[in-house]
Amino acid sequence: MGIQYFGKRNYGCRIREYTADGLRCVSLENNLVRVGILLDKGADIFEFVYKPRDVDFMFTSPLPFAKNIIPTSANPAGNFMDYYEGGWQEMFPGISTGGCVNKASLGMHGEVALLPWDIEVLKDDGSEVSVRLRVRTLRFPFLLTRTLTLRENDSTLYVEEQIDNEGRQELPYQWGHHPALGGGFLDDFCEICIEGNPSFQAVPADLGPTCCLAAGQQGTWPTAVGRTGETVDLSAVRGLDSREYREFGLSGLQEGAFEVRNHRLRLGFGMKWDKEVFPHIWVWQMYGGGADYPFYGRAYTLALEMWNSLPGGLENAVAAGTAPRLKEGESIRTSYEVFVRDYQSF
């Protein structure tokens, strides 16, 4: 599959299928946004560009991206980080840590982020483009389908998803999305906007001296207590030189939504979803902190991840009784929106 220019529409809404570094990619584009999708690796969204301001919202990992590497040793957490290019991954049928469920071993963030996906073009005209992406998991009998749509003069990406249990028994699962922000968008002029005052709980592990939160700390968004007793505003994005690293979960959401607003650029990026399907937000704040493997202090990113269950790790969720389940032949569907807001145009 090579890039196709001749005989293709190069205005309005359009689709481009091409190869980059030997991997199949597809882009959906209109006059306002361009969305790049890495078909051969998780259908990751590796770019989400707002064209009028030439701003890419996606984080680019400082790790070298090599598609044909063979890890020199087996990582018990799986190979997610060996192939992590940044951007946005789908996490299924597990989230966060791996484990063993139904005699199947899972690595970090499940299976689908490391699998190639199939593509079918549903609509391709100047007013709207839509593609259907599909993948079957290897260690569980699941089919995951994702449909993405862009419309003319609209900076929102519309997404519909469906999971089918093709097995002949009931199965547990975890499901989430890992959109890591960065690029030319993220800086210390950004604010995380979440309606209401959901509860938060930090990870139970000690993340080291660059994390201001005590292990397992609980509280109410957005205010936390730092290690020395100072008040910490979790909604205020810190700069790279702060060298901070935090991870925590949010529950009891008023709405299934967030927006990150850059007050310097007067630009916002956000998502809206069904909170009955994804009732939690996992927050990953890597502001130049995090010593040692994998980033060695080089990552500057923020991810607000919609999750369907806590705690992280399918094995942990099954043990806690919090993992959703699909019966034999059962399906679940949902939809969500990914939007850009340009406050300069208001």
Protein backbone atom coordinates (compact mmCIF):
# COMPACT_ATOMS: atom_id res chain seq x y z
CA MET A 1 0.00 0.00 0.00
CA GLY A 2 1.59 3.26 -1.13
CA ILE A 3 0.38 6.81 -0.77
CA GLN A 4 -2.26 7.71 -3.38
CA TYR A 5 -2.35 11.25 -4.71
CA PHE A 6 -3.34 10.91 -8.36
CA GLY A 7 -7.05 10.65 -8.96
CA LYS A 8 -7.76 11.30 -5.28
CA ARG A 9 -9.63 14.25 -3.81
CA ASN A 10 -7.27 16.65 -2.05
CA TYR A 11 -9.86 19.00 -0.54
CA GLY A 12 -12.80 18.73 1.86
CA CYS A 13 -12.99 15.49 3.83
CA ARG A 14 -10.52 12.86 2.60
CA ILE A 15 -8.83 9.58 3.41
CA ARG A 16 -5.23 8.64 2.68
CA GLU A 17 -3.90 5.09 3.03
CA TYR A 18 -0.11 4.92 2.98
CA THR A 19 2.97 3.31 4.52
CA ALA A 20 5.37 4.97 6.96
CA ASP A 21 8.54 3.21 8.09
CA GLY A 22 7.11 0.11 6.42
CA LEU A 23 3.88 0.17 8.45
CA ARG A 24 0.34 0.60 7.11
CA CYS A 25 -1.23 3.91 8.09
CA VAL A 26 -4.40 5.81 7.28
CA SER A 27 -5.27 9.47 7.81
CA LEU A 28 -8.71 11.06 8.08
CA GLU A 29 -8.72 14.75 7.29
CA ASN A 30 -11.02 17.70 6.76
CA ASN A 31 -10.41 21.45 6.59
CA LEU A 32 -9.84 21.63 10.37
CA VAL A 33 -8.20 18.44 11.67
CA ARG A 34 -6.00 15.57 10.52
CA VAL A 35 -6.02 12.27 12.39
CA GLY A 36 -3.21 9.76 11.70
CA ILE A 37 -3.80 6.09 12.55
CA LEU A 38 -1.12 3.37 12.69
CA LEU A 39 -3.01 0.33 11.37
CA ASP A 40 -0.17 -2.16 11.73
CA LYS A 41 0.35 -1.35 15.40
CA GLY A 42 -2.77 -1.10 17.51
CA ALA A 43 -4.61 1.35 15.24
CA ASP A 44 -2.86 3.90 17.47
CA ILE A 45 -3.73 7.53 16.81
CA PHE A 46 -0.22 8.94 16.46
CA GLU A 47 -1.24 12.43 15.35
CA PHE A 48 -4.24 14.66 15.96
CA VAL A 49 -3.46 17.96 14.27
CA TYR A 50 -5.55 21.11 14.43
CA LYS A 51 -4.73 22.56 11.02
CA PRO A 52 -5.68 26.27 11.40
CA ARG A 53 -3.09 26.62 14.20
CA ASP A 54 -0.69 23.82 13.10
CA VAL A 55 -0.85 22.19 16.55
CA ASP A 56 -0.46 18.45 17.13
CA PHE A 57 -2.00 17.39 20.44
CA MET A 58 -0.32 13.97 20.63
CA PHE A 59 2.76 13.11 22.67
CA THR A 60 5.80 11.72 20.85
CA SER A 61 7.80 9.31 22.99
CA PRO A 62 11.54 9.96 23.42
CA LEU A 63 12.08 6.21 23.08
CA PRO A 64 13.36 5.01 19.69
CA PHE A 65 10.59 3.42 17.64
CA ALA A 66 11.76 0.28 15.86
CA LYS A 67 9.14 -2.06 14.47
CA ASN A 68 11.42 -5.07 13.94
CA ILE A 69 13.26 -5.25 17.24
CA ILE A 70 13.58 -8.42 19.29
CA PRO A 71 13.77 -7.59 23.02
CA THR A 72 16.98 -8.84 24.59
CA SER A 73 15.10 -10.21 27.59
CA ALA A 74 11.50 -11.08 28.36
CA ASN A 75 9.79 -8.33 30.34
CA PRO A 76 7.31 -9.90 32.79
CA ALA A 77 5.10 -6.83 32.26
CA GLY A 78 4.91 -7.51 28.51
CA ASN A 79 6.23 -5.62 25.50
CA PHE A 80 4.04 -2.51 25.48
CA MET A 81 6.89 -0.13 26.33
CA ASP A 82 9.29 -1.69 23.80
CA TYR A 83 7.01 -0.49 21.00
CA TYR A 84 5.54 2.66 22.56
CA GLU A 85 5.68 5.59 20.14
CA GLY A 86 3.44 7.90 22.16
CA GLY A 87 0.04 9.04 20.92
CA TRP A 88 -3.17 7.25 21.79
CA GLN A 89 -3.58 3.50 22.40
CA GLU A 90 -6.67 1.41 23.00
CA MET A 91 -6.35 -0.92 26.01
CA PHE A 92 -8.20 -4.23 25.81
CA PRO A 93 -8.92 -6.86 27.14
CA GLY A 94 -6.74 -5.68 30.02
CA ILE A 95 -5.66 -2.33 31.46
CA SER A 96 -2.44 -1.39 33.20
CA THR A 97 -0.63 -4.34 34.74
CA GLY A 98 -0.76 -7.79 33.20
CA GLY A 99 -1.61 -11.07 34.87
CA CYS A 100 -3.21 -14.42 34.16
CA VAL A 101 -6.96 -14.89 33.63
CA ASN A 102 -8.71 -17.99 32.27
CA LYS A 103 -5.22 -19.55 31.85
CA ALA A 104 -4.28 -16.74 29.44
CA SER A 105 -1.33 -14.47 30.24
CA LEU A 106 -1.74 -10.77 29.51
CA GLY A 107 0.94 -8.09 29.40
CA MET A 108 0.68 -4.40 30.16
CA HIS A 109 -2.44 -2.74 28.69
CA GLY A 110 -3.81 -5.92 27.11
CA GLU A 111 -3.42 -7.14 23.54
CA VAL A 112 -4.89 -4.83 20.92
CA ALA A 113 -2.28 -2.05 21.17
CA LEU A 114 0.32 -4.41 19.70
CA LEU A 115 -1.81 -6.09 17.01
CA PRO A 116 -2.41 -5.15 13.34
CA TRP A 117 -5.95 -4.03 12.53
CA ASP A 118 -8.05 -4.41 9.38
CA ILE A 119 -9.66 -1.42 7.68
CA GLU A 120 -12.83 -0.94 5.63
CA VAL A 121 -13.76 2.43 4.11
CA LEU A 122 -17.45 3.11 4.77
CA LYS A 123 -17.78 6.60 3.30
CA ASP A 124 -15.42 8.81 1.33
CA ASP A 125 -16.78 12.05 -0.06
CA GLY A 126 -16.11 15.74 0.44
CA SER A 127 -18.68 16.14 3.21
CA GLU A 128 -17.84 13.09 5.35
CA VAL A 129 -15.31 10.27 5.68
CA SER A 130 -15.73 7.15 7.78
CA VAL A 131 -13.67 3.99 8.30
CA ARG A 132 -14.31 0.77 10.22
CA LEU A 133 -11.32 -0.83 11.97
CA ARG A 134 -11.35 -4.37 13.35
CA VAL A 135 -9.11 -6.66 15.36
CA ARG A 136 -9.45 -10.07 17.01
CA THR A 137 -7.52 -10.72 20.19
CA LEU A 138 -5.17 -13.70 20.31
CA ARG A 139 -5.57 -14.90 23.88
CA PHE A 140 -9.28 -14.27 24.30
CA PRO A 141 -12.07 -14.81 21.73
CA PHE A 142 -13.00 -11.12 21.37
CA LEU A 143 -13.70 -9.04 18.26
CA LEU A 144 -13.20 -5.29 18.69
CA THR A 145 -14.62 -2.89 16.10
CA ARG A 146 -13.93 0.84 15.98
CA THR A 147 -15.63 3.23 13.52
CA LEU A 148 -14.21 6.74 13.09
CA THR A 149 -15.95 9.60 11.29
CA LEU A 150 -14.99 13.16 10.33
CA ARG A 151 -17.44 15.70 8.90
CA GLU A 152 -16.93 18.87 6.91
CA ASN A 153 -16.32 22.08 8.93
CA ASP A 154 -16.30 20.09 12.20
CA SER A 155 -13.27 19.68 14.48
CA THR A 156 -14.81 16.69 16.30
CA LEU A 157 -13.86 13.06 15.67
CA TYR A 158 -16.88 10.77 16.15
CA VAL A 159 -16.11 7.24 17.33
CA GLU A 160 -18.35 4.18 17.70
CA GLU A 161 -17.07 0.94 19.20
CA GLN A 162 -18.30 -2.58 19.75
CA ILE A 163 -16.91 -5.62 21.55
CA ASP A 164 -18.20 -9.10 20.67
CA ASN A 165 -17.56 -12.19 22.77
CA GLU A 166 -17.13 -14.91 20.14
CA GLY A 167 -16.35 -17.55 22.74
CA ARG A 168 -18.68 -20.16 24.14
CA GLN A 169 -18.35 -19.03 27.74
CA GLU A 170 -18.72 -15.87 29.79
CA LEU A 171 -15.54 -13.79 29.89
CA PRO A 172 -14.24 -10.88 32.01
CA TYR A 173 -12.58 -7.91 30.36
CA GLN A 174 -11.18 -4.45 30.96
CA TRP A 175 -11.38 -1.64 28.43
CA GLY A 176 -9.88 1.80 28.22
CA HIS A 177 -8.18 4.47 26.13
CA HIS A 178 -4.74 6.00 26.64
CA PRO A 179 -4.57 9.38 24.81
CA ALA A 180 -1.24 10.96 25.79
CA LEU A 181 -1.09 14.69 25.13
CA GLY A 182 2.07 16.60 24.30
CA GLY A 183 3.41 18.00 21.05
CA GLY A 184 3.12 21.75 20.63
CA PHE A 185 0.05 21.84 22.87
CA LEU A 186 1.08 20.82 26.38
CA ASP A 187 2.82 23.31 28.66
CA ASP A 188 2.39 24.88 32.07
CA PHE A 189 -0.32 27.22 30.77
CA CYS A 190 -2.64 24.19 30.53
CA GLU A 191 -5.50 23.42 32.90
CA ILE A 192 -7.36 20.10 33.27
CA CYS A 193 -11.11 20.80 33.32
CA ILE A 194 -13.34 18.10 34.83
CA GLU A 195 -16.87 18.84 36.05
CA GLY A 196 -17.73 18.27 39.69
CA ASN A 197 -15.49 16.97 42.45
CA PRO A 198 -14.80 13.29 41.84
CA SER A 199 -12.78 11.35 44.37
CA PHE A 200 -9.18 10.47 43.62
CA GLN A 201 -6.89 7.71 44.79
CA ALA A 202 -3.18 7.57 44.04
CA VAL A 203 -1.51 4.34 43.02
CA PRO A 204 -0.70 2.09 45.98
CA ALA A 205 2.99 1.96 45.03
CA ASP A 206 5.52 4.63 46.00
CA LEU A 207 6.45 6.36 42.74
CA GLY A 208 9.58 7.88 44.21
CA PRO A 209 10.74 11.38 45.14
CA THR A 210 9.44 13.02 41.94
CA CYS A 211 5.83 12.16 42.94
CA CYS A 212 4.22 14.65 45.31
CA LEU A 213 1.46 12.18 46.29
CA ALA A 214 1.87 9.63 49.04
CA ALA A 215 1.21 6.03 48.00
CA GLY A 216 -2.51 5.30 48.10
CA GLN A 217 -3.45 8.88 49.05
CA GLN A 218 -7.18 9.61 48.75
CA GLY A 219 -8.97 12.90 48.37
CA THR A 220 -11.33 15.05 46.34
CA TRP A 221 -10.43 16.51 42.95
CA PRO A 222 -8.62 18.80 42.32
CA THR A 223 -6.90 19.41 45.67
CA ALA A 224 -4.28 17.10 47.15
CA VAL A 225 -1.72 17.31 49.93
CA GLY A 226 1.94 17.12 49.00
CA ARG A 227 4.60 15.13 50.83
CA THR A 228 5.62 18.16 52.91
CA GLY A 229 2.04 19.20 53.70
CA GLU A 230 1.68 21.76 50.91
CA THR A 231 -1.54 22.10 48.90
CA VAL A 232 -1.28 20.68 45.38
CA ASP A 233 -3.67 21.62 42.56
CA LEU A 234 -3.86 18.46 40.44
CA SER A 235 -5.66 20.35 37.64
CA ALA A 236 -2.70 22.68 37.01
CA VAL A 237 -0.25 21.25 34.48
CA ARG A 238 3.37 21.65 35.56
CA GLY A 239 6.32 22.43 33.31
CA LEU A 240 9.03 20.04 32.18
CA ASP A 241 11.51 21.49 34.66
CA SER A 242 9.24 20.63 37.58
CA ARG A 243 10.38 16.99 37.17
CA GLU A 244 7.13 15.70 38.66
CA TYR A 245 5.38 12.37 38.13
CA ARG A 246 1.91 11.44 39.38
CA GLU A 247 -0.64 8.70 38.73
CA PHE A 248 -4.10 8.46 40.22
CA GLY A 249 -7.63 7.36 39.44
CA LEU A 250 -10.80 9.47 39.48
CA SER A 251 -14.18 7.95 40.35
CA GLY A 252 -17.67 9.31 40.95
CA LEU A 253 -17.63 11.42 37.80
CA GLN A 254 -20.35 14.02 37.33
CA GLU A 255 -19.90 13.70 33.56
CA GLY A 256 -17.98 11.38 31.29
CA ALA A 257 -15.86 14.19 29.92
CA PHE A 258 -12.69 16.21 30.23
CA GLU A 259 -11.06 19.12 28.48
CA VAL A 260 -7.46 20.29 28.67
CA ARG A 261 -7.29 24.03 27.98
CA ASN A 262 -4.12 25.87 27.06
CA HIS A 263 -4.77 29.44 28.19
CA ARG A 264 -1.74 30.78 26.33
CA LEU A 265 -2.80 29.26 23.00
CA ARG A 266 -6.51 29.65 23.79
CA LEU A 267 -6.99 26.11 22.53
CA GLY A 268 -8.67 23.08 24.08
CA PHE A 269 -8.66 19.32 23.51
CA GLY A 270 -11.24 17.05 25.10
CA MET A 271 -13.39 13.94 25.05
CA LYS A 272 -17.01 13.11 25.90
CA TRP A 273 -18.26 9.56 26.57
CA ASP A 274 -20.90 7.45 28.32
CA LYS A 275 -19.85 7.32 31.97
CA GLU A 276 -21.95 4.18 32.46
CA VAL A 277 -19.49 2.38 30.17
CA PHE A 278 -16.35 4.19 31.33
CA PRO A 279 -17.00 5.40 34.91
CA HIS A 280 -13.37 6.22 35.76
CA ILE A 281 -10.56 8.48 34.53
CA TRP A 282 -6.99 7.36 35.09
CA VAL A 283 -4.63 10.34 35.17
CA TRP A 284 -0.98 9.99 34.11
CA GLN A 285 1.01 13.16 34.75
CA MET A 286 4.60 12.74 33.56
CA TYR A 287 6.05 16.23 33.81
CA GLY A 288 9.72 15.37 33.34
CA GLY A 289 9.72 13.09 36.40
CA GLY A 290 9.99 9.35 36.54
CA ALA A 291 13.63 8.37 36.95
CA ASP A 292 15.12 5.25 35.38
CA TYR A 293 13.38 2.93 32.90
CA PRO A 294 11.58 3.62 30.63
CA PHE A 295 11.87 7.40 30.20
CA TYR A 296 14.80 8.43 32.43
CA GLY A 297 13.18 11.82 33.05
CA ARG A 298 12.71 12.63 29.34
CA ALA A 299 8.91 12.36 29.02
CA TYR A 300 6.63 15.39 29.15
CA THR A 301 3.05 14.27 28.76
CA LEU A 302 -0.42 14.11 30.27
CA ALA A 303 -2.90 11.29 29.69
CA LEU A 304 -6.54 11.34 30.80
CA GLU A 305 -7.67 7.77 30.25
CA MET A 306 -11.27 6.60 30.34
CA TRP A 307 -11.38 3.19 32.07
CA ASN A 308 -14.27 0.80 32.57
CA SER A 309 -13.02 -0.62 35.89
CA LEU A 310 -10.56 -0.28 38.75
CA PRO A 311 -8.13 -1.48 39.96
CA GLY A 312 -5.81 -1.71 36.98
CA GLY A 313 -4.91 -5.19 35.79
CA LEU A 314 -7.53 -7.70 34.67
CA GLU A 315 -6.34 -10.29 37.18
CA ASN A 316 -6.64 -7.72 39.97
CA ALA A 317 -10.09 -6.60 38.82
CA VAL A 318 -11.36 -10.19 38.63
CA ALA A 319 -10.09 -10.82 42.17
CA ALA A 320 -11.78 -7.61 43.38
CA GLY A 321 -15.04 -8.45 41.60
CA THR A 322 -14.94 -5.22 39.57
CA ALA A 323 -14.23 -6.63 36.09
CA PRO A 324 -17.23 -6.40 33.73
CA ARG A 325 -18.21 -9.63 31.96
CA LEU A 326 -19.70 -10.54 28.60
CA LYS A 327 -21.80 -13.67 28.24
CA GLU A 328 -21.35 -16.13 25.39
CA GLY A 329 -22.24 -14.33 22.14
CA GLU A 330 -22.91 -11.04 23.95
CA SER A 331 -21.83 -7.61 22.67
CA ILE A 332 -21.41 -4.15 24.11
CA ARG A 333 -21.54 -0.91 22.12
CA THR A 334 -20.68 2.66 22.93
CA SER A 335 -19.80 5.95 21.27
CA TYR A 336 -17.72 8.96 22.19
CA GLU A 337 -16.45 12.23 20.75
CA VAL A 338 -12.98 13.77 20.59
CA PHE A 339 -13.08 17.52 20.09
CA VAL A 340 -10.91 20.59 19.58
CA ARG A 341 -12.04 24.02 20.77
CA ASP A 342 -10.41 27.14 19.39
CA TYR A 343 -11.20 29.96 21.82
CA GLN A 344 -9.54 32.53 19.56
CA SER A 345 -12.44 32.15 17.14
CA PHE A 346 -15.11 32.95 19.78
